[in-house]
Full PDB file with SEQRES, HELIX, SHEET, SSBOND, CRYST1, ORIGX, SCALE, CONECT and MASTER records, all heavy atoms in Angstrom:
SEQRES   1 A   37  MET CYS ARG HIS MET ALA GLY ARG GLY ILE ARG VAL ALA          
SEQRES   2 A   37  LEU THR GLY GLU GLY GLY ASP ASP TRP LEU ALA GLY SER          
SEQRES   3 A   37  ARG ALA HIS TRP PRO ASP LEU LEU ARG ARG GLY                  
HELIX    1 AA1 CYS A    2  ARG A    8  1                                   7    
HELIX    2 AA2 GLY A   19  LEU A   23  1                                   5    
HELIX    3 AA3 TRP A   30  ARG A   35  1                                   6    
CRYST1    1.000    1.000    1.000  90.00  90.00  90.00 P 1           1          
ORIGX1      1.000000  0.000000  0.000000        0.00000                         
ORIGX2      0.000000  1.000000  0.000000        0.00000                         
ORIGX3      0.000000  0.000000  1.000000        0.00000                         
SCALE1      1.000000  0.000000  0.000000        0.00000                         
SCALE2      0.000000  1.000000  0.000000        0.00000                         
SCALE3      0.000000  0.000000  1.000000        0.00000                         
ATOM      1  N   MET A   1     -78.260-192.132  82.318  1.00  0.00           N  
ATOM      2  CA  MET A   1     -77.935-191.547  81.001  1.00  0.00           C  
ATOM      3  C   MET A   1     -79.037-191.872  80.130  1.00  0.00           C  
ATOM      4  O   MET A   1     -79.504-191.068  79.323  1.00  0.00           O  
ATOM      5  CB  MET A   1     -76.577-192.108  80.449  1.00  0.00           C  
ATOM      6  CG  MET A   1     -76.230-191.569  79.161  1.00  0.00           C  
ATOM      7  SD  MET A   1     -74.814-192.440  78.364  1.00  0.00           S  
ATOM      8  CE  MET A   1     -75.609-193.945  77.848  1.00  0.00           C  
ATOM      9  N   CYS A   2     -79.524-193.092  80.056  1.00  0.00           N  
ATOM     10  CA  CYS A   2     -80.651-193.536  79.212  1.00  0.00           C  
ATOM     11  C   CYS A   2     -81.867-192.738  79.369  1.00  0.00           C  
ATOM     12  O   CYS A   2     -82.578-192.378  78.426  1.00  0.00           O  
ATOM     13  CB  CYS A   2     -80.894-195.088  79.323  1.00  0.00           C  
ATOM     14  SG  CYS A   2     -79.486-196.009  78.541  1.00  0.00           S  
ATOM     15  N   ARG A   3     -82.255-192.483  80.612  1.00  0.00           N  
ATOM     16  CA  ARG A   3     -83.458-191.815  80.987  1.00  0.00           C  
ATOM     17  C   ARG A   3     -83.244-190.371  80.436  1.00  0.00           C  
ATOM     18  O   ARG A   3     -84.248-189.712  79.883  1.00  0.00           O  
ATOM     19  CB  ARG A   3     -83.603-191.601  82.473  1.00  0.00           C  
ATOM     20  CG  ARG A   3     -84.151-192.960  83.085  1.00  0.00           C  
ATOM     21  CD  ARG A   3     -84.572-192.709  84.492  1.00  0.00           C  
ATOM     22  NE  ARG A   3     -83.634-192.279  85.395  1.00  0.00           N  
ATOM     23  CZ  ARG A   3     -82.747-193.071  86.079  1.00  0.00           C  
ATOM     24  NH1 ARG A   3     -83.024-194.408  85.950  1.00  0.00           N  
ATOM     25  NH2 ARG A   3     -81.801-192.670  86.927  1.00  0.00           N  
ATOM     26  N   HIS A   4     -82.063-189.686  80.583  1.00  0.00           N  
ATOM     27  CA  HIS A   4     -81.877-188.363  80.032  1.00  0.00           C  
ATOM     28  C   HIS A   4     -81.967-188.356  78.546  1.00  0.00           C  
ATOM     29  O   HIS A   4     -82.596-187.494  78.088  1.00  0.00           O  
ATOM     30  CB  HIS A   4     -80.490-187.912  80.476  1.00  0.00           C  
ATOM     31  CG  HIS A   4     -80.202-186.561  79.862  1.00  0.00           C  
ATOM     32  ND1 HIS A   4     -80.612-185.347  80.416  1.00  0.00           N  
ATOM     33  CD2 HIS A   4     -79.487-186.134  78.752  1.00  0.00           C  
ATOM     34  CE1 HIS A   4     -80.106-184.285  79.639  1.00  0.00           C  
ATOM     35  NE2 HIS A   4     -79.360-184.734  78.776  1.00  0.00           N  
ATOM     36  N   MET A   5     -81.349-189.413  77.789  1.00  0.00           N  
ATOM     37  CA  MET A   5     -81.485-189.302  76.390  1.00  0.00           C  
ATOM     38  C   MET A   5     -82.826-189.462  76.038  1.00  0.00           C  
ATOM     39  O   MET A   5     -83.211-188.990  74.842  1.00  0.00           O  
ATOM     40  CB  MET A   5     -80.536-190.408  75.897  1.00  0.00           C  
ATOM     41  CG  MET A   5     -79.144-190.191  76.032  1.00  0.00           C  
ATOM     42  SD  MET A   5     -77.898-191.586  75.641  1.00  0.00           S  
ATOM     43  CE  MET A   5     -78.453-191.930  73.784  1.00  0.00           C  
ATOM     44  N   ALA A   6     -83.583-190.464  76.672  1.00  0.00           N  
ATOM     45  CA  ALA A   6     -85.045-190.689  76.186  1.00  0.00           C  
ATOM     46  C   ALA A   6     -85.825-189.391  76.179  1.00  0.00           C  
ATOM     47  O   ALA A   6     -86.539-189.067  75.340  1.00  0.00           O  
ATOM     48  CB  ALA A   6     -85.597-191.704  77.074  1.00  0.00           C  
ATOM     49  N   GLY A   7     -85.503-188.606  77.219  1.00  0.00           N  
ATOM     50  CA  GLY A   7     -86.182-187.356  77.387  1.00  0.00           C  
ATOM     51  C   GLY A   7     -85.943-186.315  76.351  1.00  0.00           C  
ATOM     52  O   GLY A   7     -86.705-185.428  75.993  1.00  0.00           O  
ATOM     53  N   ARG A   8     -84.718-186.542  75.699  1.00  0.00           N  
ATOM     54  CA  ARG A   8     -84.200-185.564  74.779  1.00  0.00           C  
ATOM     55  C   ARG A   8     -84.458-186.126  73.311  1.00  0.00           C  
ATOM     56  O   ARG A   8     -84.163-185.451  72.416  1.00  0.00           O  
ATOM     57  CB  ARG A   8     -82.875-185.271  74.892  1.00  0.00           C  
ATOM     58  CG  ARG A   8     -82.441-184.590  76.278  1.00  0.00           C  
ATOM     59  CD  ARG A   8     -82.699-183.089  76.273  1.00  0.00           C  
ATOM     60  NE  ARG A   8     -81.702-182.427  75.386  1.00  0.00           N  
ATOM     61  CZ  ARG A   8     -81.828-181.222  75.005  1.00  0.00           C  
ATOM     62  NH1 ARG A   8     -82.940-180.570  75.256  1.00  0.00           N  
ATOM     63  NH2 ARG A   8     -80.898-180.693  74.214  1.00  0.00           N  
ATOM     64  N   GLY A   9     -84.976-187.261  73.258  1.00  0.00           N  
ATOM     65  CA  GLY A   9     -85.267-187.878  71.991  1.00  0.00           C  
ATOM     66  C   GLY A   9     -83.977-188.296  71.218  1.00  0.00           C  
ATOM     67  O   GLY A   9     -83.757-188.359  69.959  1.00  0.00           O  
ATOM     68  N   ILE A  10     -82.833-188.634  72.005  1.00  0.00           N  
ATOM     69  CA  ILE A  10     -81.527-189.010  71.549  1.00  0.00           C  
ATOM     70  C   ILE A  10     -81.412-190.552  71.499  1.00  0.00           C  
ATOM     71  O   ILE A  10     -81.743-191.080  72.524  1.00  0.00           O  
ATOM     72  CB  ILE A  10     -80.417-188.279  72.221  1.00  0.00           C  
ATOM     73  CG1 ILE A  10     -80.477-186.794  72.161  1.00  0.00           C  
ATOM     74  CG2 ILE A  10     -79.023-188.791  71.822  1.00  0.00           C  
ATOM     75  CD1 ILE A  10     -79.547-185.959  72.952  1.00  0.00           C  
ATOM     76  N   ARG A  11     -80.861-191.087  70.446  1.00  0.00           N  
ATOM     77  CA  ARG A  11     -80.752-192.607  70.460  1.00  0.00           C  
ATOM     78  C   ARG A  11     -79.278-192.978  70.441  1.00  0.00           C  
ATOM     79  O   ARG A  11     -79.062-194.250  70.567  1.00  0.00           O  
ATOM     80  CB  ARG A  11     -81.479-193.138  69.189  1.00  0.00           C  
ATOM     81  CG  ARG A  11     -82.978-193.116  69.379  1.00  0.00           C  
ATOM     82  CD  ARG A  11     -83.666-193.898  68.279  1.00  0.00           C  
ATOM     83  NE  ARG A  11     -84.988-194.241  68.729  1.00  0.00           N  
ATOM     84  CZ  ARG A  11     -85.763-195.267  68.158  1.00  0.00           C  
ATOM     85  NH1 ARG A  11     -85.198-195.852  67.063  1.00  0.00           N  
ATOM     86  NH2 ARG A  11     -87.011-195.403  68.458  1.00  0.00           N  
ATOM     87  N   VAL A  12     -78.305-192.169  70.170  1.00  0.00           N  
ATOM     88  CA  VAL A  12     -76.991-192.694  70.041  1.00  0.00           C  
ATOM     89  C   VAL A  12     -76.095-191.819  70.936  1.00  0.00           C  
ATOM     90  O   VAL A  12     -76.250-190.608  71.211  1.00  0.00           O  
ATOM     91  CB  VAL A  12     -76.501-192.379  68.595  1.00  0.00           C  
ATOM     92  CG1 VAL A  12     -74.913-192.584  68.390  1.00  0.00           C  
ATOM     93  CG2 VAL A  12     -77.170-193.290  67.587  1.00  0.00           C  
ATOM     94  N   ALA A  13     -75.248-192.626  71.656  1.00  0.00           N  
ATOM     95  CA  ALA A  13     -74.256-192.064  72.412  1.00  0.00           C  
ATOM     96  C   ALA A  13     -72.750-192.486  72.193  1.00  0.00           C  
ATOM     97  O   ALA A  13     -72.610-193.770  71.963  1.00  0.00           O  
ATOM     98  CB  ALA A  13     -74.567-192.308  73.838  1.00  0.00           C  
ATOM     99  N   LEU A  14     -71.802-191.569  72.058  1.00  0.00           N  
ATOM    100  CA  LEU A  14     -70.535-192.061  71.833  1.00  0.00           C  
ATOM    101  C   LEU A  14     -69.833-192.122  73.074  1.00  0.00           C  
ATOM    102  O   LEU A  14     -70.115-191.605  74.104  1.00  0.00           O  
ATOM    103  CB  LEU A  14     -69.781-190.904  70.884  1.00  0.00           C  
ATOM    104  CG  LEU A  14     -70.373-190.432  69.668  1.00  0.00           C  
ATOM    105  CD1 LEU A  14     -69.462-189.502  68.958  1.00  0.00           C  
ATOM    106  CD2 LEU A  14     -70.779-191.652  68.764  1.00  0.00           C  
ATOM    107  N   THR A  15     -68.732-193.081  73.152  1.00  0.00           N  
ATOM    108  CA  THR A  15     -67.990-193.334  74.308  1.00  0.00           C  
ATOM    109  C   THR A  15     -66.551-193.060  73.984  1.00  0.00           C  
ATOM    110  O   THR A  15     -65.962-193.057  72.901  1.00  0.00           O  
ATOM    111  CB  THR A  15     -68.141-194.696  74.831  1.00  0.00           C  
ATOM    112  OG1 THR A  15     -67.278-195.696  73.986  1.00  0.00           O  
ATOM    113  CG2 THR A  15     -69.745-195.098  74.684  1.00  0.00           C  
ATOM    114  N   GLY A  16     -65.686-193.129  75.101  1.00  0.00           N  
ATOM    115  CA  GLY A  16     -64.218-193.244  74.971  1.00  0.00           C  
ATOM    116  C   GLY A  16     -63.658-194.670  75.048  1.00  0.00           C  
ATOM    117  O   GLY A  16     -62.408-194.766  75.136  1.00  0.00           O  
ATOM    118  N   GLU A  17     -64.652-195.760  75.035  1.00  0.00           N  
ATOM    119  CA  GLU A  17     -64.165-197.055  75.061  1.00  0.00           C  
ATOM    120  C   GLU A  17     -63.029-197.337  74.057  1.00  0.00           C  
ATOM    121  O   GLU A  17     -63.306-197.084  72.846  1.00  0.00           O  
ATOM    122  CB  GLU A  17     -65.356-197.964  74.996  1.00  0.00           C  
ATOM    123  CG  GLU A  17     -65.191-199.313  74.314  1.00  0.00           C  
ATOM    124  CD  GLU A  17     -64.429-200.275  75.373  1.00  0.00           C  
ATOM    125  OE1 GLU A  17     -64.469-199.965  76.583  1.00  0.00           O  
ATOM    126  OE2 GLU A  17     -63.885-201.243  75.030  1.00  0.00           O  
ATOM    127  N   GLY A  18     -62.102-198.027  74.349  1.00  0.00           N  
ATOM    128  CA  GLY A  18     -61.023-198.448  73.379  1.00  0.00           C  
ATOM    129  C   GLY A  18     -59.776-197.565  73.522  1.00  0.00           C  
ATOM    130  O   GLY A  18     -58.731-198.019  73.086  1.00  0.00           O  
ATOM    131  N   GLY A  19     -59.970-196.426  74.137  1.00  0.00           N  
ATOM    132  CA  GLY A  19     -58.793-195.610  74.307  1.00  0.00           C  
ATOM    133  C   GLY A  19     -57.602-196.027  75.047  1.00  0.00           C  
ATOM    134  O   GLY A  19     -56.417-196.056  74.694  1.00  0.00           O  
ATOM    135  N   ASP A  20     -58.036-196.784  76.297  1.00  0.00           N  
ATOM    136  CA  ASP A  20     -57.073-197.384  77.060  1.00  0.00           C  
ATOM    137  C   ASP A  20     -56.412-198.587  76.338  1.00  0.00           C  
ATOM    138  O   ASP A  20     -55.180-198.753  76.413  1.00  0.00           O  
ATOM    139  CB  ASP A  20     -57.545-197.865  78.465  1.00  0.00           C  
ATOM    140  CG  ASP A  20     -57.928-196.715  79.306  1.00  0.00           C  
ATOM    141  OD1 ASP A  20     -57.385-195.595  79.193  1.00  0.00           O  
ATOM    142  OD2 ASP A  20     -58.802-196.877  80.249  1.00  0.00           O  
ATOM    143  N   ASP A  21     -57.259-199.379  75.647  1.00  0.00           N  
ATOM    144  CA  ASP A  21     -56.781-200.646  75.072  1.00  0.00           C  
ATOM    145  C   ASP A  21     -55.741-200.291  73.954  1.00  0.00           C  
ATOM    146  O   ASP A  21     -54.805-200.966  73.806  1.00  0.00           O  
ATOM    147  CB  ASP A  21     -57.851-201.421  74.576  1.00  0.00           C  
ATOM    148  CG  ASP A  21     -58.848-201.899  75.603  1.00  0.00           C  
ATOM    149  OD1 ASP A  21     -58.265-202.260  76.800  1.00  0.00           O  
ATOM    150  OD2 ASP A  21     -59.947-202.079  75.432  1.00  0.00           O  
ATOM    151  N   TRP A  22     -56.102-199.251  73.043  1.00  0.00           N  
ATOM    152  CA  TRP A  22     -55.306-199.093  71.791  1.00  0.00           C  
ATOM    153  C   TRP A  22     -54.230-198.157  72.095  1.00  0.00           C  
ATOM    154  O   TRP A  22     -53.127-198.296  71.410  1.00  0.00           O  
ATOM    155  CB  TRP A  22     -56.226-198.680  70.681  1.00  0.00           C  
ATOM    156  CG  TRP A  22     -57.098-199.686  70.186  1.00  0.00           C  
ATOM    157  CD1 TRP A  22     -58.510-199.735  70.255  1.00  0.00           C  
ATOM    158  CD2 TRP A  22     -56.687-200.791  69.491  1.00  0.00           C  
ATOM    159  NE1 TRP A  22     -58.973-200.834  69.690  1.00  0.00           N  
ATOM    160  CE2 TRP A  22     -57.949-201.491  69.036  1.00  0.00           C  
ATOM    161  CE3 TRP A  22     -55.560-201.211  69.002  1.00  0.00           C  
ATOM    162  CZ2 TRP A  22     -57.915-202.739  68.470  1.00  0.00           C  
ATOM    163  CZ3 TRP A  22     -55.495-202.484  68.248  1.00  0.00           C  
ATOM    164  CH2 TRP A  22     -56.745-203.244  68.056  1.00  0.00           C  
ATOM    165  N   LEU A  23     -54.319-197.255  73.024  1.00  0.00           N  
ATOM    166  CA  LEU A  23     -53.333-196.100  73.061  1.00  0.00           C  
ATOM    167  C   LEU A  23     -52.367-196.018  74.225  1.00  0.00           C  
ATOM    168  O   LEU A  23     -51.437-195.249  74.216  1.00  0.00           O  
ATOM    169  CB  LEU A  23     -54.121-194.707  72.922  1.00  0.00           C  
ATOM    170  CG  LEU A  23     -54.794-194.571  71.667  1.00  0.00           C  
ATOM    171  CD1 LEU A  23     -55.909-193.430  71.670  1.00  0.00           C  
ATOM    172  CD2 LEU A  23     -53.859-194.156  70.514  1.00  0.00           C  
ATOM    173  N   ALA A  24     -52.715-196.811  75.283  1.00  0.00           N  
ATOM    174  CA  ALA A  24     -51.918-196.767  76.392  1.00  0.00           C  
ATOM    175  C   ALA A  24     -50.439-197.172  76.184  1.00  0.00           C  
ATOM    176  O   ALA A  24     -49.462-196.675  76.772  1.00  0.00           O  
ATOM    177  CB  ALA A  24     -52.375-197.516  77.707  1.00  0.00           C  
ATOM    178  N   GLY A  25     -50.217-198.099  75.270  1.00  0.00           N  
ATOM    179  CA  GLY A  25     -48.875-198.543  74.906  1.00  0.00           C  
ATOM    180  C   GLY A  25     -48.179-199.429  75.946  1.00  0.00           C  
ATOM    181  O   GLY A  25     -48.740-199.649  76.967  1.00  0.00           O  
ATOM    182  N   SER A  26     -47.197-199.999  75.565  1.00  0.00           N  
ATOM    183  CA  SER A  26     -46.422-200.950  76.359  1.00  0.00           C  
ATOM    184  C   SER A  26     -44.941-200.935  75.814  1.00  0.00           C  
ATOM    185  O   SER A  26     -44.686-200.056  74.852  1.00  0.00           O  
ATOM    186  CB  SER A  26     -46.926-202.242  76.331  1.00  0.00           C  
ATOM    187  OG  SER A  26     -46.761-202.908  74.982  1.00  0.00           O  
ATOM    188  N   ARG A  27     -44.111-201.805  76.307  1.00  0.00           N  
ATOM    189  CA  ARG A  27     -42.800-201.981  75.713  1.00  0.00           C  
ATOM    190  C   ARG A  27     -42.683-203.295  74.902  1.00  0.00           C  
ATOM    191  O   ARG A  27     -41.532-203.891  74.896  1.00  0.00           O  
ATOM    192  CB  ARG A  27     -41.839-201.802  76.693  1.00  0.00           C  
ATOM    193  CG  ARG A  27     -41.820-200.542  77.483  1.00  0.00           C  
ATOM    194  CD  ARG A  27     -40.685-200.242  78.445  1.00  0.00           C  
ATOM    195  NE  ARG A  27     -40.847-198.869  79.103  1.00  0.00           N  
ATOM    196  CZ  ARG A  27     -41.315-198.762  80.261  1.00  0.00           C  
ATOM    197  NH1 ARG A  27     -41.638-199.730  81.069  1.00  0.00           N  
ATOM    198  NH2 ARG A  27     -41.536-197.581  80.775  1.00  0.00           N  
ATOM    199  N   ALA A  28     -43.747-203.851  74.422  1.00  0.00           N  
ATOM    200  CA  ALA A  28     -43.784-205.042  73.684  1.00  0.00           C  
ATOM    201  C   ALA A  28     -43.056-204.963  72.439  1.00  0.00           C  
ATOM    202  O   ALA A  28     -42.655-206.061  71.750  1.00  0.00           O  
ATOM    203  CB  ALA A  28     -45.350-205.500  73.306  1.00  0.00           C  
ATOM    204  N   HIS A  29     -42.657-203.767  71.938  1.00  0.00           N  
ATOM    205  CA  HIS A  29     -41.877-203.624  70.798  1.00  0.00           C  
ATOM    206  C   HIS A  29     -40.307-203.759  71.109  1.00  0.00           C  
ATOM    207  O   HIS A  29     -39.513-203.815  70.023  1.00  0.00           O  
ATOM    208  CB  HIS A  29     -42.223-202.214  70.125  1.00  0.00           C  
ATOM    209  CG  HIS A  29     -41.755-201.123  71.010  1.00  0.00           C  
ATOM    210  ND1 HIS A  29     -42.342-200.804  72.136  1.00  0.00           N  
ATOM    211  CD2 HIS A  29     -40.673-200.193  70.708  1.00  0.00           C  
ATOM    212  CE1 HIS A  29     -41.875-199.687  72.627  1.00  0.00           C  
ATOM    213  NE2 HIS A  29     -40.898-199.255  71.869  1.00  0.00           N  
ATOM    214  N   TRP A  30     -39.944-203.790  72.408  1.00  0.00           N  
ATOM    215  CA  TRP A  30     -38.520-203.793  72.695  1.00  0.00           C  
ATOM    216  C   TRP A  30     -37.922-205.085  72.193  1.00  0.00           C  
ATOM    217  O   TRP A  30     -36.816-205.229  71.711  1.00  0.00           O  
ATOM    218  CB  TRP A  30     -38.301-203.658  74.062  1.00  0.00           C  
ATOM    219  CG  TRP A  30     -38.285-202.268  74.709  1.00  0.00           C  
ATOM    220  CD1 TRP A  30     -38.767-201.162  73.812  1.00  0.00           C  
ATOM    221  CD2 TRP A  30     -37.850-201.692  75.811  1.00  0.00           C  
ATOM    222  NE1 TRP A  30     -38.580-200.028  74.574  1.00  0.00           N  
ATOM    223  CE2 TRP A  30     -37.981-200.205  75.841  1.00  0.00           C  
ATOM    224  CE3 TRP A  30     -37.245-202.254  76.960  1.00  0.00           C  
ATOM    225  CZ2 TRP A  30     -37.646-199.435  76.839  1.00  0.00           C  
ATOM    226  CZ3 TRP A  30     -36.953-201.534  78.042  1.00  0.00           C  
ATOM    227  CH2 TRP A  30     -37.047-200.126  77.930  1.00  0.00           C  
ATOM    228  N   PRO A  31     -38.595-206.305  72.386  1.00  0.00           N  
ATOM    229  CA  PRO A  31     -38.067-207.513  71.889  1.00  0.00           C  
ATOM    230  C   PRO A  31     -37.852-207.452  70.223  1.00  0.00           C  
ATOM    231  O   PRO A  31     -36.863-208.039  69.794  1.00  0.00           O  
ATOM    232  CB  PRO A  31     -39.045-208.695  72.156  1.00  0.00           C  
ATOM    233  CG  PRO A  31     -39.731-208.131  73.444  1.00  0.00           C  
ATOM    234  CD  PRO A  31     -39.878-206.689  73.063  1.00  0.00           C  
ATOM    235  N   ASP A  32     -38.721-206.876  69.592  1.00  0.00           N  
ATOM    236  CA  ASP A  32     -38.640-206.627  68.109  1.00  0.00           C  
ATOM    237  C   ASP A  32     -37.280-205.785  67.834  1.00  0.00           C  
ATOM    238  O   ASP A  32     -36.485-206.176  66.854  1.00  0.00           O  
ATOM    239  CB  ASP A  32     -39.762-205.908  67.404  1.00  0.00           C  
ATOM    240  CG  ASP A  32     -41.043-206.763  67.488  1.00  0.00           C  
ATOM    241  OD1 ASP A  32     -40.880-207.922  66.990  1.00  0.00           O  
ATOM    242  OD2 ASP A  32     -42.007-206.358  68.066  1.00  0.00           O  
ATOM    243  N   LEU A  33     -37.034-204.810  68.523  1.00  0.00           N  
ATOM    244  CA  LEU A  33     -35.865-203.891  68.400  1.00  0.00           C  
ATOM    245  C   LEU A  33     -34.588-204.718  68.561  1.00  0.00           C  
ATOM    246  O   LEU A  33     -33.535-204.659  67.830  1.00  0.00           O  
ATOM    247  CB  LEU A  33     -35.886-202.620  69.255  1.00  0.00           C  
ATOM    248  CG  LEU A  33     -36.997-201.620  69.006  1.00  0.00           C  
ATOM    249  CD1 LEU A  33     -36.897-200.580  70.115  1.00  0.00           C  
ATOM    250  CD2 LEU A  33     -36.883-201.031  67.699  1.00  0.00           C  
ATOM    251  N   LEU A  34     -34.702-205.573  69.615  1.00  0.00           N  
ATOM    252  CA  LEU A  34     -33.507-206.451  69.882  1.00  0.00           C  
ATOM    253  C   LEU A  34     -33.277-207.409  68.682  1.00  0.00           C  
ATOM    254  O   LEU A  34     -32.120-207.574  68.393  1.00  0.00           O  
ATOM    255  CB  LEU A  34     -33.715-207.170  71.288  1.00  0.00           C  
ATOM    256  CG  LEU A  34     -32.475-207.984  71.782  1.00  0.00           C  
ATOM    257  CD1 LEU A  34     -31.440-207.104  72.029  1.00  0.00           C  
ATOM    258  CD2 LEU A  34     -32.947-208.785  73.095  1.00  0.00           C  
ATOM    259  N   ARG A  35     -34.331-208.092  68.396  1.00  0.00           N  
ATOM    260  CA  ARG A  35     -34.182-209.143  67.234  1.00  0.00           C  
ATOM    261  C   ARG A  35     -33.694-208.509  65.965  1.00  0.00           C  
ATOM    262  O   ARG A  35     -33.022-209.167  65.245  1.00  0.00           O  
ATOM    263  CB  ARG A  35     -35.494-209.713  67.055  1.00  0.00           C  
ATOM    264  CG  ARG A  35     -35.952-210.798  68.162  1.00  0.00           C  
ATOM    265  CD  ARG A  35     -37.075-211.605  67.698  1.00  0.00           C  
ATOM    266  NE  ARG A  35     -38.283-210.789  67.370  1.00  0.00           N  
ATOM    267  CZ  ARG A  35     -39.469-211.436  67.147  1.00  0.00           C  
ATOM    268  NH1 ARG A  35     -39.577-212.662  67.251  1.00  0.00           N  
ATOM    269  NH2 ARG A  35     -40.491-210.669  66.725  1.00  0.00           N  
ATOM    270  N   ARG A  36     -34.063-207.287  65.686  1.00  0.00           N  
ATOM    271  CA  ARG A  36     -33.741-206.643  64.472  1.00  0.00           C  
ATOM    272  C   ARG A  36     -32.421-205.802  64.462  1.00  0.00           C  
ATOM    273  O   ARG A  36     -32.066-205.101  63.499  1.00  0.00           O  
ATOM    274  CB  ARG A  36     -34.910-205.710  63.948  1.00  0.00           C  
ATOM    275  CG  ARG A  36     -36.114-206.356  63.689  1.00  0.00           C  
ATOM    276  CD  ARG A  36     -37.430-205.437  63.784  1.00  0.00           C  
ATOM    277  NE  ARG A  36     -37.349-204.446  62.760  1.00  0.00           N  
ATOM    278  CZ  ARG A  36     -38.301-203.473  62.787  1.00  0.00           C  
ATOM    279  NH1 ARG A  36     -39.358-203.496  63.570  1.00  0.00           N  
ATOM    280  NH2 ARG A  36     -38.164-202.429  61.906  1.00  0.00           N  
ATOM    281  N   GLY A  37     -31.789-205.905  65.723  1.00  0.00           N  
ATOM    282  CA  GLY A  37     -30.412-205.259  65.776  1.00  0.00           C  
ATOM    283  C   GLY A  37     -30.564-203.853  65.924  1.00  0.00           C  
ATOM    284  O   GLY A  37     -29.591-202.978  65.625  1.00  0.00           O  
TER     285      GLY A  37                                                      
MASTER        0    0    0    3    0    0    0    6  284    1    0    3          
END                                                                             
């Protein structure tokens, strides 16, 4: 990828990093629902 970008004169690349971490979700809110009735 870096070789290709260098040939095109591009210095910045965006990624999808963080999508799994922030958006995959879990059921960690279930204890909150239980505690709050």
